[in-house]
Amino acid sequence: MIAFTLDRLVDIINRAARAIPTWAVYIVYLIPVPVLLYLGMTGGLGREPIRALEHELGEIALQLLIIGLCLSPLRRFAGINLLKFRRTIGVLAFTYVVLHFTVWAVLDVQALDRVWQDIVKRPYITIGMAAFALMIPLAVTSNNLAMRRMGAVWRKLHLLTYPVALLAAVHFVWLSRGFQLEPLIYLAIVLGLLALRVPGLRKKATA
C-alpha cells in the first residue's frame, strides 16, 4: 500500500513537471530580484542594505547550485525526473552569481583597483571568484548548439558544476563571521551530493 502510494506520488510529480514550462521557472525564480531591490531602497534590509542584498543574492545562487546537484539523485533514487529544468537552474544560478558579484564590486567596493586587491588578498573572495570563473564556460555553453558541436567534450566540461558548488559552499562558510550553522549545513549538503556521484565518476574514469 505504501509502495503504491509513493509510486503514485512520483507519477503525479513527474506529470506535473512535464506540464510546467521552463520559462515559468525563470519568472518565479527571478521574482526575488526586484523584491530585494525594493526592500533595499525602502529600508527593509536593515542597517546595511548593500551587504544584506549581496548576501541574499549569493545565498540564492548557492541554493540553485544545490538544487541542480539534486536533480540526478532524485531521478536515480526516487524516480522523480526533473532533468528538463537542469539547464534552467544552472542559468539562474549563474545569473544570481553575476548579480552577487555586481553588487559587491559596484555598490560595496566601488573601485576597480580595490576589487582586484580583495580578490588577491582575501582567500574567501579568491575562492568565490574561482567559482565564478568556472561558471562562465558553463553558462556560455548552456545551449543546444554548443551541446551538439562539442559532443562528449560538453559533458566533460559540465562536470565543472561539481567544483563550482564546492567552492561556492566553502566561500559561504569562510566569509561567515564566527561559528554559524547555516553555511556548514550548505557545505554538508554539497559534500553529501558530491559523495553520491563518486561511484559513477570512478566508473567513467576506468571505462
Protein backbone atom coordinates (compact mmCIF):
# COMPACT_ATOMS: atom_id res chain seq x y z
CA MET A 1 0.00 0.00 0.00
CA ILE A 2 2.79 2.41 0.95
CA ALA A 3 4.76 1.50 -2.18
CA PHE A 4 1.68 2.07 -4.31
CA THR A 5 1.12 5.48 -2.71
CA LEU A 6 4.74 6.51 -3.25
CA ASP A 7 4.68 5.34 -6.85
CA ARG A 8 1.51 7.32 -7.45
CA LEU A 9 3.05 10.41 -5.83
CA VAL A 10 6.14 10.11 -8.02
CA ASP A 11 3.94 9.75 -11.09
CA ILE A 12 1.96 12.87 -10.14
CA ILE A 13 5.16 14.86 -9.64
CA ASN A 14 6.60 13.69 -12.98
CA ARG A 15 3.41 14.52 -14.87
CA ALA A 16 3.28 17.96 -13.24
CA ALA A 17 6.94 18.57 -14.13
CA ARG A 18 6.28 17.71 -17.77
CA ALA A 19 3.45 20.24 -17.85
CA ILE A 20 5.47 23.11 -16.35
CA PRO A 21 7.32 25.17 -18.99
CA THR A 22 10.90 26.16 -18.22
CA TRP A 23 10.11 29.85 -18.75
CA ALA A 24 7.78 29.70 -15.74
CA VAL A 25 10.72 28.63 -13.56
CA TYR A 26 12.71 31.64 -14.80
CA ILE A 27 9.89 34.00 -13.90
CA VAL A 28 9.30 32.55 -10.44
CA TYR A 29 12.96 32.43 -9.51
CA LEU A 30 13.69 35.95 -10.73
CA ILE A 31 10.93 37.46 -8.57
CA PRO A 32 13.30 37.88 -5.59
CA VAL A 33 15.47 40.32 -7.56
CA PRO A 34 13.01 43.25 -7.74
CA VAL A 35 11.69 42.36 -4.28
CA LEU A 36 15.17 42.58 -2.75
CA LEU A 37 15.93 45.81 -4.61
CA TYR A 38 12.70 47.33 -3.32
CA LEU A 39 13.46 46.24 0.24
CA GLY A 40 16.96 47.64 -0.06
CA MET A 41 15.68 51.04 -1.19
CA THR A 42 12.96 51.22 1.45
CA GLY A 43 14.97 50.12 4.47
CA GLY A 44 13.66 46.58 4.56
CA LEU A 45 17.13 45.02 4.53
CA GLY A 46 18.35 46.54 7.78
CA ARG A 47 21.14 48.97 8.56
CA GLU A 48 23.49 47.58 5.88
CA PRO A 49 21.24 47.04 2.85
CA ILE A 50 24.10 46.57 0.38
CA ARG A 51 25.70 43.81 2.44
CA ALA A 52 22.30 42.22 3.00
CA LEU A 53 21.47 42.36 -0.71
CA GLU A 54 24.86 40.90 -1.55
CA HIS A 55 24.32 38.07 0.94
CA GLU A 56 20.80 37.24 -0.21
CA LEU A 57 21.76 37.08 -3.88
CA GLY A 58 24.75 34.87 -3.12
CA GLU A 59 22.71 32.53 -0.94
CA ILE A 60 20.05 32.10 -3.63
CA ALA A 61 22.82 31.28 -6.12
CA LEU A 62 24.18 28.59 -3.77
CA GLN A 63 20.69 27.18 -3.24
CA LEU A 64 20.23 26.93 -7.01
CA LEU A 65 23.55 25.11 -7.37
CA ILE A 66 22.42 22.63 -4.73
CA ILE A 67 19.06 22.17 -6.46
CA GLY A 68 20.94 21.43 -9.67
CA LEU A 69 23.00 18.78 -7.89
CA CYS A 70 19.82 17.20 -6.50
CA LEU A 71 18.23 16.52 -9.89
CA SER A 72 20.22 13.42 -10.87
CA PRO A 73 19.96 11.71 -7.44
CA LEU A 74 16.22 12.44 -7.40
CA ARG A 75 15.79 10.57 -10.67
CA ARG A 76 18.20 7.78 -9.70
CA PHE A 77 16.94 7.04 -6.20
CA ALA A 78 13.36 8.31 -6.19
CA GLY A 79 12.32 8.12 -9.84
CA ILE A 80 11.45 11.83 -9.90
CA ASN A 81 12.52 13.23 -13.25
CA LEU A 82 13.12 16.98 -13.17
CA LEU A 83 16.11 16.95 -15.52
CA LYS A 84 14.33 19.19 -18.02
CA PHE A 85 14.94 22.03 -15.57
CA ARG A 86 18.67 21.39 -15.11
CA ARG A 87 19.80 23.94 -17.69
CA THR A 88 17.29 26.49 -16.39
CA ILE A 89 18.55 26.05 -12.83
CA GLY A 90 22.14 26.42 -13.99
CA VAL A 91 21.46 29.62 -15.93
CA LEU A 92 19.54 31.06 -12.97
CA ALA A 93 22.42 30.18 -10.63
CA PHE A 94 24.86 31.99 -12.93
CA THR A 95 22.51 34.98 -13.12
CA TYR A 96 22.41 35.28 -9.34
CA VAL A 97 26.19 34.90 -9.11
CA VAL A 98 26.60 37.76 -11.60
CA LEU A 99 24.20 39.89 -9.56
CA HIS A 100 26.01 38.94 -6.34
CA PHE A 101 29.35 39.92 -7.86
CA THR A 102 27.95 43.15 -9.32
CA VAL A 103 26.51 44.31 -6.00
CA TRP A 104 29.80 43.52 -4.27
CA ALA A 105 32.04 45.19 -6.88
CA VAL A 106 29.89 48.20 -7.81
CA LEU A 107 27.92 49.04 -4.67
CA ASP A 108 30.13 47.65 -1.90
CA VAL A 109 33.77 48.00 -3.01
CA GLN A 110 33.14 50.77 -5.59
CA ALA A 111 36.68 50.78 -7.02
CA LEU A 112 38.23 48.50 -9.64
CA ASP A 113 41.67 48.51 -8.01
CA ARG A 114 40.17 47.57 -4.65
CA VAL A 115 38.17 44.78 -6.29
CA TRP A 116 41.39 43.25 -7.60
CA GLN A 117 43.16 43.75 -4.28
CA ASP A 118 40.36 41.97 -2.42
CA ILE A 119 40.41 39.07 -4.89
CA VAL A 120 44.15 38.63 -4.39
CA LYS A 121 44.42 39.28 -0.64
CA ARG A 122 41.24 37.74 0.78
CA PRO A 123 41.12 33.93 0.37
CA TYR A 124 37.35 33.65 0.68
CA ILE A 125 36.94 36.15 -2.15
CA THR A 126 39.58 34.31 -4.20
CA ILE A 127 37.59 31.10 -3.79
CA GLY A 128 34.35 32.85 -4.73
CA MET A 129 35.94 34.33 -7.85
CA ALA A 130 37.32 30.92 -8.80
CA ALA A 131 33.78 29.51 -8.65
CA PHE A 132 32.52 32.44 -10.73
CA ALA A 133 35.27 31.94 -13.34
CA LEU A 134 34.46 28.24 -13.65
CA MET A 135 30.79 29.06 -14.18
CA ILE A 136 31.47 31.28 -17.21
CA PRO A 137 32.23 28.45 -19.70
CA LEU A 138 29.24 26.54 -18.30
CA ALA A 139 26.94 29.49 -18.95
CA VAL A 140 28.38 30.16 -22.42
CA THR A 141 27.85 26.54 -23.49
CA SER A 142 24.38 26.12 -21.94
CA ASN A 143 22.63 25.93 -25.29
CA ASN A 144 21.69 23.23 -27.79
CA LEU A 145 24.19 24.41 -30.41
CA ALA A 146 27.15 24.07 -28.07
CA MET A 147 25.89 20.67 -26.90
CA ARG A 148 25.68 19.35 -30.47
CA ARG A 149 29.04 20.73 -31.59
CA MET A 150 31.01 19.76 -28.50
CA GLY A 151 29.53 16.28 -28.04
CA ALA A 152 31.32 14.30 -25.31
CA VAL A 153 33.51 17.30 -24.52
CA TRP A 154 30.39 19.20 -23.47
CA ARG A 155 29.55 16.56 -20.88
CA LYS A 156 33.09 16.61 -19.50
CA LEU A 157 33.11 20.41 -19.39
CA HIS A 158 29.89 20.48 -17.40
CA LEU A 159 31.45 18.32 -14.71
CA LEU A 160 32.83 21.69 -13.57
CA THR A 161 29.47 22.07 -11.84
CA TYR A 162 30.84 19.92 -9.02
CA PRO A 163 33.88 22.04 -8.07
CA VAL A 164 31.78 25.17 -8.58
CA ALA A 165 29.26 24.04 -5.97
CA LEU A 166 32.01 23.00 -3.55
CA LEU A 167 33.91 26.28 -3.95
CA ALA A 168 30.69 28.27 -3.51
CA ALA A 169 29.86 26.43 -0.29
CA VAL A 170 33.39 26.92 1.08
CA HIS A 171 33.19 30.60 0.11
CA PHE A 172 29.98 30.95 2.15
CA VAL A 173 31.48 29.18 5.18
CA TRP A 174 34.69 31.21 5.06
CA LEU A 175 33.07 34.63 4.76
CA SER A 176 30.70 33.96 7.65
CA ARG A 177 31.85 35.57 10.87
CA GLY A 178 32.29 33.21 13.80
CA PHE A 179 30.59 29.83 14.05
CA GLN A 180 27.38 29.79 12.05
CA LEU A 181 25.42 26.61 11.46
CA GLU A 182 23.69 27.57 8.21
CA PRO A 183 26.81 27.76 5.99
CA LEU A 184 28.05 24.46 7.45
CA ILE A 185 24.73 22.82 6.59
CA TYR A 186 25.05 24.03 3.00
CA LEU A 187 28.60 22.64 2.83
CA ALA A 188 27.50 19.30 4.29
CA ILE A 189 24.68 19.03 1.73
CA VAL A 190 27.07 19.76 -1.14
CA LEU A 191 29.59 17.21 0.13
CA GLY A 192 26.83 14.62 0.51
CA LEU A 193 25.52 15.21 -3.02
CA LEU A 194 29.04 15.00 -4.44
CA ALA A 195 29.71 11.80 -2.50
CA LEU A 196 26.71 10.18 -4.20
CA ARG A 197 28.45 10.75 -7.53
CA VAL A 198 31.82 9.23 -6.63
CA PRO A 199 31.00 5.63 -7.76
CA GLY A 200 29.69 6.89 -11.12
CA LEU A 201 32.71 9.10 -11.70
CA ARG A 202 35.04 6.20 -10.92
CA LYS A 203 33.28 4.01 -13.49
CA LYS A 204 33.60 6.75 -16.12
CA ALA A 205 37.30 7.17 -15.34
CA THR A 206 38.02 3.44 -15.77
CA ALA A 207 35.76 2.95 -18.81
